[in-house]
Amino acid sequence: MTISVMIADDQVMVRQGFAALLGAQPDIVVAGDASNGVEAVAAARSLQPDVIFMDVRMPEMDGLEAARTIL
């Protein structure tokens, strides 16, 4: 079974680092990423990932509000 993951963080290097680490695992696919909470909500709705790694402090909409909106 493959696990799809989305990464949401306002720092590019953090997103790239998590994507590299997770993408190296045979049973994980990085489905997408987002740089703020608004993008995270839109991406989560379209990609329907199994797991979302999300920063709490992001511009436009913080991670907590984005998580509440996604759920």
N, C-alpha and C. Protein backbone atom coordinates (compact mmCIF):
# COMPACT_ATOMS: atom_id res chain seq x y z
N MET A 1 0.84 -1.18 0.00
CA MET A 1 0.00 0.00 0.00
C MET A 1 0.88 1.24 0.00
N THR A 2 0.59 2.17 -0.88
CA THR A 2 1.32 3.43 -0.96
C THR A 2 0.59 4.51 -0.18
N ILE A 3 1.32 5.29 0.58
CA ILE A 3 0.76 6.38 1.37
C ILE A 3 1.06 7.69 0.65
N SER A 4 0.01 8.45 0.36
CA SER A 4 0.21 9.75 -0.29
C SER A 4 0.32 10.84 0.78
N VAL A 5 1.31 11.70 0.62
CA VAL A 5 1.61 12.74 1.60
C VAL A 5 1.63 14.10 0.92
N MET A 6 1.10 15.10 1.61
CA MET A 6 1.20 16.49 1.17
C MET A 6 1.98 17.25 2.24
N ILE A 7 2.81 18.19 1.81
CA ILE A 7 3.64 18.98 2.72
C ILE A 7 3.23 20.44 2.61
N ALA A 8 2.94 21.07 3.74
CA ALA A 8 2.57 22.49 3.76
C ALA A 8 3.49 23.23 4.72
N ASP A 9 4.30 24.12 4.16
CA ASP A 9 5.22 24.93 4.96
C ASP A 9 5.59 26.15 4.13
N ASP A 10 5.75 27.30 4.78
CA ASP A 10 6.08 28.51 4.03
C ASP A 10 7.56 28.59 3.65
N GLN A 11 8.39 27.72 4.18
CA GLN A 11 9.81 27.71 3.84
C GLN A 11 10.10 26.65 2.79
N VAL A 12 10.62 27.10 1.66
CA VAL A 12 10.89 26.21 0.53
C VAL A 12 11.84 25.08 0.91
N MET A 13 12.90 25.41 1.64
CA MET A 13 13.89 24.37 1.99
C MET A 13 13.30 23.30 2.90
N VAL A 14 12.38 23.68 3.76
CA VAL A 14 11.72 22.69 4.62
C VAL A 14 10.87 21.75 3.77
N ARG A 15 10.09 22.33 2.85
CA ARG A 15 9.26 21.49 1.96
C ARG A 15 10.13 20.56 1.13
N GLN A 16 11.21 21.08 0.58
CA GLN A 16 12.09 20.25 -0.24
C GLN A 16 12.77 19.16 0.58
N GLY A 17 13.18 19.49 1.80
CA GLY A 17 13.83 18.50 2.66
C GLY A 17 12.90 17.37 3.03
N PHE A 18 11.68 17.71 3.47
CA PHE A 18 10.70 16.67 3.78
C PHE A 18 10.37 15.84 2.54
N ALA A 19 10.23 16.50 1.40
CA ALA A 19 9.91 15.78 0.16
C ALA A 19 11.02 14.79 -0.19
N ALA A 20 12.27 15.20 -0.02
CA ALA A 20 13.40 14.31 -0.32
C ALA A 20 13.42 13.12 0.64
N LEU A 21 13.23 13.38 1.92
CA LEU A 21 13.25 12.29 2.91
C LEU A 21 12.09 11.32 2.70
N LEU A 22 10.91 11.87 2.54
CA LEU A 22 9.73 11.01 2.39
C LEU A 22 9.70 10.31 1.04
N GLY A 23 10.10 11.03 0.00
CA GLY A 23 10.09 10.46 -1.35
C GLY A 23 11.06 9.31 -1.53
N ALA A 24 12.06 9.22 -0.64
CA ALA A 24 13.03 8.13 -0.72
C ALA A 24 12.47 6.81 -0.19
N GLN A 25 11.33 6.88 0.47
CA GLN A 25 10.71 5.68 1.03
C GLN A 25 9.89 4.98 -0.06
N PRO A 26 10.01 3.67 -0.18
CA PRO A 26 9.32 2.97 -1.27
C PRO A 26 7.80 2.98 -1.17
N ASP A 27 7.26 3.15 0.03
CA ASP A 27 5.81 3.09 0.19
C ASP A 27 5.16 4.46 0.41
N ILE A 28 5.93 5.54 0.14
CA ILE A 28 5.40 6.89 0.31
C ILE A 28 5.58 7.66 -0.99
N VAL A 29 4.53 8.37 -1.39
CA VAL A 29 4.60 9.26 -2.54
C VAL A 29 4.19 10.65 -2.08
N VAL A 30 5.01 11.65 -2.42
CA VAL A 30 4.68 13.03 -2.09
C VAL A 30 3.75 13.54 -3.19
N ALA A 31 2.48 13.71 -2.84
CA ALA A 31 1.45 14.07 -3.81
C ALA A 31 1.51 15.54 -4.18
N GLY A 32 1.98 16.39 -3.27
CA GLY A 32 2.04 17.82 -3.55
C GLY A 32 2.50 18.60 -2.35
N ASP A 33 2.57 19.92 -2.54
CA ASP A 33 2.96 20.78 -1.44
C ASP A 33 2.23 22.11 -1.52
N ALA A 34 2.36 22.90 -0.46
CA ALA A 34 1.71 24.20 -0.38
C ALA A 34 2.59 25.12 0.45
N SER A 35 2.55 26.42 0.13
CA SER A 35 3.40 27.38 0.83
C SER A 35 2.64 28.22 1.85
N ASN A 36 1.33 28.04 1.94
CA ASN A 36 0.55 28.74 2.96
C ASN A 36 -0.73 27.96 3.23
N GLY A 37 -1.50 28.40 4.21
CA GLY A 37 -2.70 27.68 4.60
C GLY A 37 -3.78 27.64 3.53
N VAL A 38 -3.93 28.74 2.80
CA VAL A 38 -4.94 28.79 1.74
C VAL A 38 -4.61 27.77 0.65
N GLU A 39 -3.35 27.74 0.24
CA GLU A 39 -2.92 26.74 -0.75
C GLU A 39 -3.08 25.33 -0.21
N ALA A 40 -2.80 25.14 1.07
CA ALA A 40 -2.91 23.81 1.68
C ALA A 40 -4.34 23.30 1.62
N VAL A 41 -5.30 24.16 1.92
CA VAL A 41 -6.71 23.76 1.88
C VAL A 41 -7.10 23.37 0.46
N ALA A 42 -6.74 24.20 -0.52
CA ALA A 42 -7.08 23.90 -1.91
C ALA A 42 -6.41 22.62 -2.39
N ALA A 43 -5.13 22.46 -2.06
CA ALA A 43 -4.40 21.26 -2.49
C ALA A 43 -4.96 20.01 -1.83
N ALA A 44 -5.28 20.09 -0.55
CA ALA A 44 -5.83 18.93 0.16
C ALA A 44 -7.16 18.50 -0.44
N ARG A 45 -7.97 19.46 -0.83
CA ARG A 45 -9.26 19.13 -1.44
C ARG A 45 -9.10 18.47 -2.80
N SER A 46 -8.13 18.92 -3.57
CA SER A 46 -7.96 18.34 -4.91
C SER A 46 -7.13 17.05 -4.89
N LEU A 47 -6.11 16.98 -4.04
CA LEU A 47 -5.21 15.81 -4.02
C LEU A 47 -5.70 14.68 -3.14
N GLN A 48 -6.47 14.99 -2.10
CA GLN A 48 -6.97 13.99 -1.15
C GLN A 48 -5.84 13.11 -0.61
N PRO A 49 -4.78 13.71 -0.02
CA PRO A 49 -3.67 12.90 0.50
C PRO A 49 -4.08 12.11 1.73
N ASP A 50 -3.35 11.04 2.00
CA ASP A 50 -3.59 10.26 3.21
C ASP A 50 -3.08 10.99 4.45
N VAL A 51 -1.97 11.71 4.30
CA VAL A 51 -1.32 12.41 5.41
C VAL A 51 -0.91 13.80 4.95
N ILE A 52 -1.05 14.78 5.85
CA ILE A 52 -0.58 16.14 5.57
C ILE A 52 0.40 16.55 6.66
N PHE A 53 1.64 16.88 6.28
CA PHE A 53 2.61 17.48 7.19
C PHE A 53 2.44 18.98 7.04
N MET A 54 2.00 19.67 8.11
CA MET A 54 1.68 21.08 7.98
C MET A 54 2.31 21.90 9.11
N ASP A 55 2.95 22.98 8.72
CA ASP A 55 3.51 23.94 9.67
C ASP A 55 2.36 24.67 10.36
N VAL A 56 2.54 25.02 11.62
CA VAL A 56 1.51 25.76 12.34
C VAL A 56 1.52 27.23 11.94
N ARG A 57 2.70 27.81 11.78
CA ARG A 57 2.82 29.23 11.45
C ARG A 57 3.10 29.40 9.97
N MET A 58 2.06 29.83 9.24
CA MET A 58 2.19 30.11 7.81
C MET A 58 1.41 31.38 7.50
N PRO A 59 1.76 32.07 6.41
CA PRO A 59 1.03 33.28 6.04
C PRO A 59 -0.36 32.96 5.48
N GLU A 60 -1.18 33.99 5.42
CA GLU A 60 -2.54 33.96 4.87
C GLU A 60 -3.52 33.17 5.73
N MET A 61 -3.17 31.96 6.10
CA MET A 61 -3.99 31.14 7.00
C MET A 61 -3.03 30.21 7.74
N ASP A 62 -3.07 30.23 9.07
CA ASP A 62 -2.12 29.38 9.80
C ASP A 62 -2.52 27.91 9.70
N GLY A 63 -1.61 27.05 10.10
CA GLY A 63 -1.82 25.61 9.96
C GLY A 63 -2.99 25.08 10.76
N LEU A 64 -3.25 25.66 11.93
CA LEU A 64 -4.38 25.20 12.74
C LEU A 64 -5.71 25.51 12.07
N GLU A 65 -5.83 26.72 11.56
CA GLU A 65 -7.07 27.09 10.86
C GLU A 65 -7.23 26.26 9.58
N ALA A 66 -6.12 26.04 8.88
CA ALA A 66 -6.17 25.23 7.67
C ALA A 66 -6.61 23.80 8.00
N ALA A 67 -6.07 23.24 9.08
CA ALA A 67 -6.45 21.88 9.48
C ALA A 67 -7.94 21.80 9.81
N ARG A 68 -8.44 22.80 10.54
CA ARG A 68 -9.88 22.82 10.86
C ARG A 68 -10.72 22.91 9.59
N THR A 69 -10.26 23.70 8.63
CA THR A 69 -11.00 23.85 7.37
C THR A 69 -10.98 22.56 6.57
N ILE A 70 -9.83 21.90 6.54
CA ILE A 70 -9.70 20.65 5.78
C ILE A 70 -10.57 19.55 6.39
N LEU A 71 -10.60 19.48 7.72
CA LEU A 71 -11.40 18.45 8.39
C LEU A 71 -12.86 18.77 8.30
